[in-house]
Amino acid sequence: MKVAVIDGQGGGVGRALVERVRAEFPDIHIRALGTNAQATAAMMKAGANDGATGENAIVYNAGRVEIIMGPVAVLSANALLGEVTPAMAAAVGESDALKILLPSQRCRIRLAIGPLQPMQRYLDEAVRMLREELDHPEA
């Protein structure tokens, strides 16, 4: 199973996701997809198996993984201060991959999920959701 972690800017959310997924699932293949080289490097340092950077890398790989993880901003064109291109957002949105996305106050998207929580809670929930998917994949 291949899991893509997508992030931009400094790659902090992606780094945290990779660290947690790697700790919980040491044998899973994690592909770091950064909107920029700094984000990709942060995720690679955190333990991703491989990585690629930029619009084409995200567009190409979005349809070649089973699960995509990252901030909800990856679905919104021009998010992350313009780093998410319309083509990136479309590729992620159109991918058949299961998307496990984290809410973020920075992307100006609010999810009706109750009170805002610290990012650590969202990271915990993302890993729990990944475990659930790995334990009981839908056909």
N, C-alpha and C. Protein backbone atom coordinates (compact mmCIF):
# COMPACT_ATOMS: atom_id res chain seq x y z
N MET A 1 0.85 -1.17 0.00
CA MET A 1 0.00 0.00 0.00
C MET A 1 0.89 1.23 0.00
N LYS A 2 0.56 2.19 -0.86
CA LYS A 2 1.29 3.45 -0.92
C LYS A 2 0.42 4.57 -0.37
N VAL A 3 1.03 5.33 0.53
CA VAL A 3 0.39 6.51 1.11
C VAL A 3 1.19 7.72 0.68
N ALA A 4 0.52 8.69 0.08
CA ALA A 4 1.17 9.96 -0.26
C ALA A 4 0.85 10.97 0.82
N VAL A 5 1.87 11.67 1.28
CA VAL A 5 1.67 12.79 2.19
C VAL A 5 2.03 14.03 1.40
N ILE A 6 1.07 14.94 1.29
CA ILE A 6 1.25 16.17 0.52
C ILE A 6 1.29 17.35 1.48
N ASP A 7 2.27 18.24 1.27
CA ASP A 7 2.34 19.46 2.07
C ASP A 7 3.13 20.50 1.31
N GLY A 8 3.08 21.72 1.82
CA GLY A 8 3.79 22.83 1.21
C GLY A 8 4.42 23.69 2.27
N GLN A 9 4.74 24.92 1.90
CA GLN A 9 5.42 25.88 2.76
C GLN A 9 6.61 25.21 3.44
N GLY A 10 6.69 25.17 4.77
CA GLY A 10 7.84 24.57 5.44
C GLY A 10 7.74 23.07 5.62
N GLY A 11 6.59 22.50 5.32
CA GLY A 11 6.41 21.05 5.42
C GLY A 11 6.18 20.54 6.83
N GLY A 12 5.83 21.42 7.77
CA GLY A 12 5.65 21.01 9.16
C GLY A 12 4.54 20.01 9.39
N VAL A 13 3.39 20.22 8.76
CA VAL A 13 2.28 19.28 8.92
C VAL A 13 2.64 17.96 8.26
N GLY A 14 3.21 18.01 7.07
CA GLY A 14 3.63 16.79 6.39
C GLY A 14 4.68 16.03 7.17
N ARG A 15 5.63 16.75 7.73
CA ARG A 15 6.67 16.11 8.55
C ARG A 15 6.04 15.38 9.73
N ALA A 16 5.12 16.06 10.43
CA ALA A 16 4.46 15.44 11.58
C ALA A 16 3.66 14.22 11.17
N LEU A 17 2.98 14.29 10.04
CA LEU A 17 2.23 13.13 9.55
C LEU A 17 3.15 11.96 9.24
N VAL A 18 4.23 12.24 8.52
CA VAL A 18 5.17 11.17 8.16
C VAL A 18 5.74 10.53 9.42
N GLU A 19 6.15 11.34 10.39
CA GLU A 19 6.70 10.80 11.64
C GLU A 19 5.71 9.87 12.32
N ARG A 20 4.46 10.30 12.41
CA ARG A 20 3.46 9.50 13.10
C ARG A 20 3.09 8.24 12.33
N VAL A 21 2.94 8.37 11.02
CA VAL A 21 2.61 7.19 10.22
C VAL A 21 3.76 6.20 10.25
N ARG A 22 4.99 6.69 10.13
CA ARG A 22 6.16 5.80 10.16
C ARG A 22 6.25 5.08 11.51
N ALA A 23 6.01 5.78 12.60
CA ALA A 23 6.09 5.16 13.93
C ALA A 23 5.01 4.09 14.11
N GLU A 24 3.83 4.35 13.59
CA GLU A 24 2.70 3.43 13.77
C GLU A 24 2.72 2.27 12.77
N PHE A 25 3.19 2.55 11.55
CA PHE A 25 3.19 1.56 10.47
C PHE A 25 4.57 1.53 9.80
N PRO A 26 5.56 0.89 10.42
CA PRO A 26 6.93 0.96 9.92
C PRO A 26 7.13 0.38 8.52
N ASP A 27 6.24 -0.50 8.08
CA ASP A 27 6.43 -1.15 6.78
C ASP A 27 5.65 -0.51 5.64
N ILE A 28 4.86 0.50 5.93
CA ILE A 28 4.06 1.13 4.88
C ILE A 28 4.95 2.01 4.00
N HIS A 29 4.63 2.08 2.72
CA HIS A 29 5.39 2.93 1.79
C HIS A 29 4.81 4.34 1.83
N ILE A 30 5.63 5.30 2.24
CA ILE A 30 5.19 6.70 2.32
C ILE A 30 5.91 7.50 1.24
N ARG A 31 5.13 8.15 0.39
CA ARG A 31 5.68 9.01 -0.66
C ARG A 31 5.43 10.47 -0.27
N ALA A 32 6.49 11.23 -0.09
CA ALA A 32 6.40 12.65 0.25
C ALA A 32 6.23 13.45 -1.04
N LEU A 33 5.16 14.22 -1.10
CA LEU A 33 4.91 15.08 -2.26
C LEU A 33 4.82 16.52 -1.77
N GLY A 34 5.84 17.29 -2.07
CA GLY A 34 5.88 18.68 -1.62
C GLY A 34 5.56 19.65 -2.72
N THR A 35 4.88 20.72 -2.36
CA THR A 35 4.66 21.78 -3.34
C THR A 35 5.96 22.55 -3.58
N ASN A 36 6.92 22.38 -2.66
CA ASN A 36 8.23 23.01 -2.81
C ASN A 36 9.29 22.08 -2.22
N ALA A 37 10.55 22.35 -2.52
CA ALA A 37 11.64 21.47 -2.10
C ALA A 37 11.80 21.42 -0.59
N GLN A 38 11.55 22.52 0.11
CA GLN A 38 11.69 22.54 1.56
C GLN A 38 10.68 21.58 2.20
N ALA A 39 9.44 21.59 1.73
CA ALA A 39 8.42 20.69 2.27
C ALA A 39 8.79 19.23 2.00
N THR A 40 9.24 18.94 0.79
CA THR A 40 9.63 17.56 0.47
C THR A 40 10.79 17.13 1.35
N ALA A 41 11.78 17.98 1.52
CA ALA A 41 12.95 17.64 2.34
C ALA A 41 12.55 17.37 3.79
N ALA A 42 11.64 18.17 4.33
CA ALA A 42 11.19 17.96 5.72
C ALA A 42 10.53 16.60 5.86
N MET A 43 9.72 16.20 4.89
CA MET A 43 9.04 14.91 4.95
C MET A 43 10.02 13.76 4.73
N MET A 44 11.01 13.96 3.89
CA MET A 44 12.02 12.92 3.68
C MET A 44 12.83 12.70 4.95
N LYS A 45 13.21 13.78 5.63
CA LYS A 45 13.93 13.67 6.89
C LYS A 45 13.12 12.95 7.95
N ALA A 46 11.80 13.08 7.87
CA ALA A 46 10.91 12.46 8.85
C ALA A 46 10.71 10.97 8.61
N GLY A 47 11.19 10.46 7.46
CA GLY A 47 11.11 9.02 7.24
C GLY A 47 10.35 8.55 6.02
N ALA A 48 9.99 9.45 5.10
CA ALA A 48 9.32 9.01 3.88
C ALA A 48 10.25 8.12 3.07
N ASN A 49 9.69 7.15 2.35
CA ASN A 49 10.48 6.25 1.52
C ASN A 49 11.06 6.94 0.30
N ASP A 50 10.25 7.80 -0.31
CA ASP A 50 10.71 8.55 -1.47
C ASP A 50 9.91 9.83 -1.54
N GLY A 51 10.29 10.68 -2.45
CA GLY A 51 9.59 11.96 -2.53
C GLY A 51 9.81 12.64 -3.85
N ALA A 52 8.94 13.57 -4.15
CA ALA A 52 9.04 14.37 -5.36
C ALA A 52 8.42 15.73 -5.07
N THR A 53 8.78 16.70 -5.90
CA THR A 53 8.41 18.08 -5.65
C THR A 53 7.75 18.71 -6.86
N GLY A 54 6.74 19.52 -6.60
CA GLY A 54 6.17 20.37 -7.62
C GLY A 54 4.86 19.88 -8.19
N GLU A 55 4.31 20.72 -9.07
CA GLU A 55 3.00 20.45 -9.64
C GLU A 55 2.93 19.11 -10.36
N ASN A 56 3.86 18.85 -11.27
CA ASN A 56 3.78 17.61 -12.03
C ASN A 56 3.90 16.39 -11.13
N ALA A 57 4.75 16.46 -10.12
CA ALA A 57 4.91 15.32 -9.21
C ALA A 57 3.60 15.02 -8.48
N ILE A 58 2.91 16.04 -8.05
CA ILE A 58 1.65 15.83 -7.32
C ILE A 58 0.57 15.36 -8.29
N VAL A 59 0.46 15.98 -9.45
CA VAL A 59 -0.54 15.56 -10.44
C VAL A 59 -0.31 14.11 -10.85
N TYR A 60 0.94 13.76 -11.12
CA TYR A 60 1.27 12.40 -11.57
C TYR A 60 0.99 11.36 -10.49
N ASN A 61 1.38 11.64 -9.27
CA ASN A 61 1.29 10.64 -8.20
C ASN A 61 -0.08 10.55 -7.53
N ALA A 62 -0.90 11.57 -7.62
CA ALA A 62 -2.21 11.56 -6.94
C ALA A 62 -3.06 10.37 -7.36
N GLY A 63 -2.93 9.94 -8.59
CA GLY A 63 -3.70 8.81 -9.08
C GLY A 63 -3.00 7.48 -8.96
N ARG A 64 -1.82 7.47 -8.32
CA ARG A 64 -1.02 6.25 -8.24
C ARG A 64 -0.79 5.77 -6.81
N VAL A 65 -1.56 6.30 -5.89
CA VAL A 65 -1.47 5.89 -4.49
C VAL A 65 -2.86 5.51 -4.00
N GLU A 66 -2.91 4.74 -2.92
CA GLU A 66 -4.20 4.32 -2.38
C GLU A 66 -4.78 5.32 -1.38
N ILE A 67 -3.89 6.04 -0.69
CA ILE A 67 -4.32 7.00 0.33
C ILE A 67 -3.51 8.28 0.19
N ILE A 68 -4.19 9.42 0.31
CA ILE A 68 -3.53 10.73 0.31
C ILE A 68 -3.80 11.36 1.67
N MET A 69 -2.74 11.86 2.31
CA MET A 69 -2.85 12.55 3.59
C MET A 69 -2.23 13.94 3.46
N GLY A 70 -2.73 14.88 4.24
CA GLY A 70 -2.18 16.22 4.24
C GLY A 70 -3.20 17.21 4.75
N PRO A 71 -2.89 18.49 4.66
CA PRO A 71 -3.85 19.51 5.08
C PRO A 71 -4.99 19.61 4.07
N VAL A 72 -6.17 19.98 4.52
CA VAL A 72 -7.33 20.11 3.65
C VAL A 72 -7.06 21.12 2.53
N ALA A 73 -6.11 21.98 2.72
CA ALA A 73 -5.77 22.98 1.71
C ALA A 73 -5.36 22.38 0.37
N VAL A 74 -4.93 21.11 0.35
CA VAL A 74 -4.50 20.51 -0.92
C VAL A 74 -5.66 20.36 -1.89
N LEU A 75 -6.89 20.55 -1.42
CA LEU A 75 -8.06 20.48 -2.30
C LEU A 75 -8.47 21.85 -2.83
N SER A 76 -7.77 22.89 -2.43
CA SER A 76 -8.18 24.25 -2.77
C SER A 76 -7.12 24.95 -3.62
N ALA A 77 -7.50 25.28 -4.85
CA ALA A 77 -6.59 26.00 -5.73
C ALA A 77 -6.10 27.28 -5.09
N ASN A 78 -4.83 27.54 -5.21
CA ASN A 78 -4.16 28.74 -4.72
C ASN A 78 -4.01 28.79 -3.20
N ALA A 79 -4.28 27.68 -2.51
CA ALA A 79 -4.09 27.62 -1.06
C ALA A 79 -2.59 27.60 -0.74
N LEU A 80 -2.28 27.66 0.54
CA LEU A 80 -0.90 27.70 1.03
C LEU A 80 -0.12 28.83 0.36
N LEU A 81 -0.73 30.01 0.40
CA LEU A 81 -0.13 31.22 -0.17
C LEU A 81 0.15 31.08 -1.66
N GLY A 82 -0.70 30.33 -2.35
CA GLY A 82 -0.57 30.17 -3.79
C GLY A 82 0.24 28.96 -4.23
N GLU A 83 0.75 28.17 -3.29
CA GLU A 83 1.57 27.01 -3.65
C GLU A 83 0.75 25.87 -4.26
N VAL A 84 -0.52 25.75 -3.89
CA VAL A 84 -1.36 24.69 -4.46
C VAL A 84 -1.95 25.23 -5.75
N THR A 85 -1.48 24.71 -6.87
CA THR A 85 -1.98 25.18 -8.16
C THR A 85 -3.35 24.56 -8.43
N PRO A 86 -4.11 25.16 -9.34
CA PRO A 86 -5.39 24.55 -9.72
C PRO A 86 -5.24 23.10 -10.19
N ALA A 87 -4.17 22.81 -10.91
CA ALA A 87 -3.96 21.44 -11.39
C ALA A 87 -3.70 20.47 -10.24
N MET A 88 -2.95 20.91 -9.23
CA MET A 88 -2.71 20.07 -8.05
C MET A 88 -4.02 19.77 -7.33
N ALA A 89 -4.80 20.82 -7.06
CA ALA A 89 -6.06 20.65 -6.34
C ALA A 89 -7.00 19.72 -7.11
N ALA A 90 -7.07 19.88 -8.42
CA ALA A 90 -7.93 19.03 -9.23
C ALA A 90 -7.45 17.58 -9.19
N ALA A 91 -6.15 17.36 -9.29
CA ALA A 91 -5.62 16.00 -9.28
C ALA A 91 -5.92 15.29 -7.97
N VAL A 92 -5.75 16.00 -6.86
CA VAL A 92 -6.05 15.41 -5.56
C VAL A 92 -7.55 15.13 -5.45
N GLY A 93 -8.36 16.11 -5.81
CA GLY A 93 -9.80 15.95 -5.71
C GLY A 93 -10.35 14.85 -6.59
N GLU A 94 -9.77 14.67 -7.76
CA GLU A 94 -10.25 13.67 -8.72
C GLU A 94 -9.66 12.28 -8.48
N SER A 95 -8.64 12.19 -7.65
CA SER A 95 -8.01 10.90 -7.39
C SER A 95 -8.99 9.94 -6.72
N ASP A 96 -8.89 8.67 -7.08
CA ASP A 96 -9.69 7.64 -6.43
C ASP A 96 -9.15 7.28 -5.05
N ALA A 97 -8.00 7.82 -4.68
CA ALA A 97 -7.40 7.53 -3.38
C ALA A 97 -8.30 8.02 -2.25
N LEU A 98 -8.29 7.28 -1.14
CA LEU A 98 -8.93 7.77 0.08
C LEU A 98 -8.15 8.99 0.54
N LYS A 99 -8.84 10.04 0.92
CA LYS A 99 -8.17 11.26 1.38
C LYS A 99 -8.43 11.43 2.87
N ILE A 100 -7.35 11.48 3.65
CA ILE A 100 -7.42 11.74 5.08
C ILE A 100 -6.75 13.10 5.27
N LEU A 101 -7.57 14.13 5.45
CA LEU A 101 -7.07 15.50 5.44
C LEU A 101 -7.28 16.17 6.79
N LEU A 102 -6.33 17.01 7.13
CA LEU A 102 -6.33 17.71 8.42
C LEU A 102 -6.88 19.13 8.26
N PRO A 103 -7.76 19.53 9.18
CA PRO A 103 -8.22 20.92 9.14
C PRO A 103 -7.08 21.87 9.53
N SER A 104 -7.17 23.07 9.02
CA SER A 104 -6.15 24.06 9.33
C SER A 104 -6.78 25.44 9.36
N GLN A 105 -6.43 26.21 10.34
CA GLN A 105 -6.96 27.57 10.43
C GLN A 105 -6.35 28.48 9.37
N ARG A 106 -5.19 28.11 8.85
CA ARG A 106 -4.48 28.98 7.93
C ARG A 106 -5.08 29.01 6.52
N CYS A 107 -5.85 27.98 6.15
CA CYS A 107 -6.31 27.89 4.76
C CYS A 107 -7.68 28.52 4.53
N ARG A 108 -8.28 29.09 5.56
CA ARG A 108 -9.57 29.77 5.45
C ARG A 108 -10.69 28.82 5.05
N ILE A 109 -10.56 27.55 5.42
CA ILE A 109 -11.62 26.57 5.23
C ILE A 109 -12.01 26.09 6.61
N ARG A 110 -13.28 26.17 6.94
CA ARG A 110 -13.76 25.70 8.23
C ARG A 110 -14.60 24.45 8.02
N LEU A 111 -14.32 23.43 8.79
CA LEU A 111 -15.06 22.19 8.72
C LEU A 111 -16.00 22.13 9.92
N ALA A 112 -17.21 21.70 9.70
CA ALA A 112 -18.20 21.63 10.78
C ALA A 112 -17.95 20.37 11.60
N ILE A 113 -16.89 20.41 12.39
CA ILE A 113 -16.48 19.23 13.18
C ILE A 113 -16.46 19.52 14.66
N GLY A 114 -17.02 20.63 15.05
CA GLY A 114 -17.00 20.99 16.46
C GLY A 114 -15.93 22.03 16.73
N PRO A 115 -15.61 22.22 18.01
CA PRO A 115 -14.62 23.24 18.36
C PRO A 115 -13.25 22.95 17.77
N LEU A 116 -12.51 24.00 17.48
CA LEU A 116 -11.14 23.82 16.99
C LEU A 116 -10.32 23.08 18.03
N GLN A 117 -9.47 22.21 17.55
CA GLN A 117 -8.61 21.39 18.39
C GLN A 117 -7.15 21.71 18.08
N PRO A 118 -6.25 21.37 18.99
CA PRO A 118 -4.83 21.50 18.66
C PRO A 118 -4.46 20.55 17.52
N MET A 119 -3.48 20.91 16.73
CA MET A 119 -3.06 20.08 15.59
C MET A 119 -2.72 18.66 16.03
N GLN A 120 -2.18 18.49 17.23
CA GLN A 120 -1.83 17.15 17.72
C GLN A 120 -3.05 16.22 17.72
N ARG A 121 -4.20 16.74 18.07
CA ARG A 121 -5.43 15.92 18.08
C ARG A 121 -5.80 15.50 16.67
N TYR A 122 -5.67 16.43 15.72
CA TYR A 122 -5.98 16.10 14.33
C TYR A 122 -5.00 15.06 13.79
N LEU A 123 -3.73 15.18 14.16
CA LEU A 123 -2.74 14.19 13.73
C LEU A 123 -3.07 12.81 14.31
N ASP A 124 -3.45 12.77 15.58
CA ASP A 124 -3.85 11.50 16.20
C ASP A 124 -5.03 10.89 15.45
N GLU A 125 -6.00 11.71 15.13
CA GLU A 125 -7.20 11.22 14.44
C GLU A 125 -6.86 10.74 13.03
N ALA A 126 -5.97 11.42 12.34
CA ALA A 126 -5.57 11.00 11.00
C ALA A 126 -4.92 9.63 11.03
N VAL A 127 -4.06 9.39 12.01
CA VAL A 127 -3.40 8.08 12.13
C VAL A 127 -4.42 7.02 12.52
N ARG A 128 -5.38 7.36 13.37
CA ARG A 128 -6.43 6.41 13.72
C ARG A 128 -7.24 6.03 12.48
N MET A 129 -7.56 7.02 11.66
CA MET A 129 -8.32 6.75 10.44
C MET A 129 -7.53 5.89 9.47
N LEU A 130 -6.22 6.13 9.38
CA LEU A 130 -5.37 5.31 8.53
C LEU A 130 -5.36 3.87 9.03
N ARG A 131 -5.23 3.67 10.34
CA ARG A 131 -5.25 2.32 10.91
C ARG A 131 -6.57 1.63 10.56
N GLU A 132 -7.67 2.34 10.72
CA GLU A 132 -8.99 1.78 10.41
C GLU A 132 -9.06 1.34 8.95
N GLU A 133 -8.55 2.17 8.06
CA GLU A 133 -8.55 1.84 6.63
C GLU A 133 -7.67 0.63 6.34
N LEU A 134 -6.50 0.58 6.94
CA LEU A 134 -5.60 -0.55 6.71
C LEU A 134 -6.14 -1.85 7.27
N ASP A 135 -6.86 -1.74 8.39
CA ASP A 135 -7.45 -2.94 9.02
C ASP A 135 -8.68 -3.43 8.28
N HIS A 136 -9.43 -2.52 7.68
CA HIS A 136 -10.70 -2.87 7.05
C HIS A 136 -10.87 -2.12 5.73
N PRO A 137 -10.05 -2.39 4.72
CA PRO A 137 -10.17 -1.65 3.46
C PRO A 137 -11.48 -1.97 2.75
N GLU A 138 -12.07 -0.95 2.18
CA GLU A 138 -13.28 -1.16 1.39
C GLU A 138 -12.87 -1.54 -0.02
N ALA A 139 -13.63 -2.35 -0.65
CA ALA A 139 -13.29 -2.80 -2.01
C ALA A 139 -13.56 -1.74 -3.03
